[in-house]
């Protein structure tokens, strides 16, 4: 599997729909380890199915403080902003 850089946004369009949720979860783990506290998951607008799957996963994670639609200039409802809790020392 190709290694992707851990940055403040992650585009899920490159992943098969069946892999999108696990790819996003792995990305969030790596982003948190890197010390990022806010990231953007780009899932696209489409029918909303991928957005719903991603948000169910986010709601189940204790390390996610909150999430919401991105601002219009950052993808609107085609992307989700995620605020991660800081790791406890």
C-alpha atoms as a PDB file:
ATOM      1  CA  UNK A   1       0.000   0.000   0.000  1.00  0.00           C
ATOM      2  CA  UNK A   2       1.253   3.444  -0.890  1.00  0.00           C
ATOM      3  CA  UNK A   3       2.078   5.769   2.004  1.00  0.00           C
ATOM      4  CA  UNK A   4       0.288   9.088   1.898  1.00  0.00           C
ATOM      5  CA  UNK A   5       1.531  12.267   3.561  1.00  0.00           C
ATOM      6  CA  UNK A   6      -0.344  13.209   6.724  1.00  0.00           C
ATOM      7  CA  UNK A   7      -1.576  16.729   6.114  1.00  0.00           C
ATOM      8  CA  UNK A   8      -4.592  18.751   7.255  1.00  0.00           C
ATOM      9  CA  UNK A   9      -6.868  17.321   4.553  1.00  0.00           C
ATOM     10  CA  UNK A  10      -7.541  13.853   3.186  1.00  0.00           C
ATOM     11  CA  UNK A  11      -9.313  13.216  -0.118  1.00  0.00           C
ATOM     12  CA  UNK A  12     -11.335  10.002  -0.069  1.00  0.00           C
ATOM     13  CA  UNK A  13     -12.062  10.041  -3.806  1.00  0.00           C
ATOM     14  CA  UNK A  14      -8.959   7.904  -4.408  1.00  0.00           C
ATOM     15  CA  UNK A  15     -10.429   5.020  -2.385  1.00  0.00           C
ATOM     16  CA  UNK A  16     -13.006   2.429  -3.324  1.00  0.00           C
ATOM     17  CA  UNK A  17     -16.259   3.149  -1.437  1.00  0.00           C
ATOM     18  CA  UNK A  18     -15.818  -0.012   0.658  1.00  0.00           C
ATOM     19  CA  UNK A  19     -12.389   1.242   1.795  1.00  0.00           C
ATOM     20  CA  UNK A  20     -13.255   4.886   2.478  1.00  0.00           C
ATOM     21  CA  UNK A  21     -14.291   4.559   6.125  1.00  0.00           C
ATOM     22  CA  UNK A  22     -11.302   2.438   7.165  1.00  0.00           C
ATOM     23  CA  UNK A  23      -8.941   4.713   5.201  1.00  0.00           C
ATOM     24  CA  UNK A  24     -10.392   7.759   6.973  1.00  0.00           C
ATOM     25  CA  UNK A  25     -10.085   6.055  10.374  1.00  0.00           C
ATOM     26  CA  UNK A  26      -6.434   5.155   9.702  1.00  0.00           C
ATOM     27  CA  UNK A  27      -5.787   8.710   8.537  1.00  0.00           C
ATOM     28  CA  UNK A  28      -7.328  10.150  11.731  1.00  0.00           C
ATOM     29  CA  UNK A  29      -5.101   7.887  13.855  1.00  0.00           C
ATOM     30  CA  UNK A  30      -2.007   9.074  11.979  1.00  0.00           C
ATOM     31  CA  UNK A  31      -3.091  12.733  12.061  1.00  0.00           C
ATOM     32  CA  UNK A  32      -3.614  12.575  15.804  1.00  0.00           C
ATOM     33  CA  UNK A  33      -0.210  10.923  16.303  1.00  0.00           C
ATOM     34  CA  UNK A  34       1.326  13.729  14.264  1.00  0.00           C
ATOM     35  CA  UNK A  35      -0.310  16.257  16.597  1.00  0.00           C
ATOM     36  CA  UNK A  36      -2.934  17.649  14.225  1.00  0.00           C
ATOM     37  CA  UNK A  37      -6.079  18.836  15.969  1.00  0.00           C
ATOM     38  CA  UNK A  38      -8.199  19.780  12.950  1.00  0.00           C
ATOM     39  CA  UNK A  39      -8.439  17.971   9.648  1.00  0.00           C
ATOM     40  CA  UNK A  40     -10.723  18.013   6.626  1.00  0.00           C
ATOM     41  CA  UNK A  41     -12.088  14.806   5.142  1.00  0.00           C
ATOM     42  CA  UNK A  42     -13.099  15.316   1.505  1.00  0.00           C
ATOM     43  CA  UNK A  43     -15.826  12.819   0.660  1.00  0.00           C
ATOM     44  CA  UNK A  44     -17.638  14.636  -2.159  1.00  0.00           C
ATOM     45  CA  UNK A  45     -21.236  15.732  -2.496  1.00  0.00           C
ATOM     46  CA  UNK A  46     -22.815  12.976  -4.612  1.00  0.00           C
ATOM     47  CA  UNK A  47     -25.750  11.185  -3.010  1.00  0.00           C
ATOM     48  CA  UNK A  48     -24.498  11.755   0.537  1.00  0.00           C
ATOM     49  CA  UNK A  49     -23.913   8.054   1.236  1.00  0.00           C
ATOM     50  CA  UNK A  50     -20.159   8.361   1.820  1.00  0.00           C
ATOM     51  CA  UNK A  51     -20.678  11.488   3.929  1.00  0.00           C
ATOM     52  CA  UNK A  52     -23.155   9.582   6.128  1.00  0.00           C
ATOM     53  CA  UNK A  53     -20.794   6.611   6.532  1.00  0.00           C
ATOM     54  CA  UNK A  54     -17.897   8.886   7.466  1.00  0.00           C
ATOM     55  CA  UNK A  55     -20.018  10.762   9.984  1.00  0.00           C
ATOM     56  CA  UNK A  56     -21.233   7.543  11.633  1.00  0.00           C
ATOM     57  CA  UNK A  57     -17.600   6.542  12.067  1.00  0.00           C
ATOM     58  CA  UNK A  58     -16.694   9.974  13.467  1.00  0.00           C
ATOM     59  CA  UNK A  59     -19.579   9.879  15.960  1.00  0.00           C
ATOM     60  CA  UNK A  60     -18.293   6.567  17.326  1.00  0.00           C
ATOM     61  CA  UNK A  61     -14.714   7.732  17.950  1.00  0.00           C
ATOM     62  CA  UNK A  62     -13.849   9.012  21.423  1.00  0.00           C
ATOM     63  CA  UNK A  63     -10.897  11.000  20.017  1.00  0.00           C
ATOM     64  CA  UNK A  64     -13.212  13.156  17.865  1.00  0.00           C
ATOM     65  CA  UNK A  65     -14.318  16.266  19.721  1.00  0.00           C
ATOM     66  CA  UNK A  66     -16.657  17.564  17.017  1.00  0.00           C
ATOM     67  CA  UNK A  67     -17.298  17.592  13.280  1.00  0.00           C
ATOM     68  CA  UNK A  68     -19.250  19.726  10.838  1.00  0.00           C
ATOM     69  CA  UNK A  69     -19.599  20.666   7.183  1.00  0.00           C
ATOM     70  CA  UNK A  70     -16.659  22.566   5.784  1.00  0.00           C
ATOM     71  CA  UNK A  71     -17.071  26.239   4.988  1.00  0.00           C
ATOM     72  CA  UNK A  72     -18.123  27.029   1.394  1.00  0.00           C
ATOM     73  CA  UNK A  73     -14.552  27.908   0.404  1.00  0.00           C
ATOM     74  CA  UNK A  74     -13.272  24.547   1.741  1.00  0.00           C
ATOM     75  CA  UNK A  75     -15.817  22.194   0.174  1.00  0.00           C
ATOM     76  CA  UNK A  76     -19.135  22.915   1.875  1.00  0.00           C
ATOM     77  CA  UNK A  77     -21.118  19.702   2.481  1.00  0.00           C
ATOM     78  CA  UNK A  78     -18.673  17.814   0.242  1.00  0.00           C
ATOM     79  CA  UNK A  79     -16.112  17.851   3.048  1.00  0.00           C
ATOM     80  CA  UNK A  80     -16.261  17.389   6.795  1.00  0.00           C
ATOM     81  CA  UNK A  81     -14.112  19.335   9.250  1.00  0.00           C
ATOM     82  CA  UNK A  82     -13.033  17.210  12.179  1.00  0.00           C
ATOM     83  CA  UNK A  83     -11.680  18.512  15.466  1.00  0.00           C
ATOM     84  CA  UNK A  84      -9.588  15.910  17.290  1.00  0.00           C
ATOM     85  CA  UNK A  85      -9.059  15.803  21.022  1.00  0.00           C
ATOM     86  CA  UNK A  86      -5.499  16.372  22.120  1.00  0.00           C
ATOM     87  CA  UNK A  87      -3.782  13.238  23.407  1.00  0.00           C
ATOM     88  CA  UNK A  88      -3.489  13.141  27.171  1.00  0.00           C
ATOM     89  CA  UNK A  89       0.041  13.325  28.496  1.00  0.00           C
END
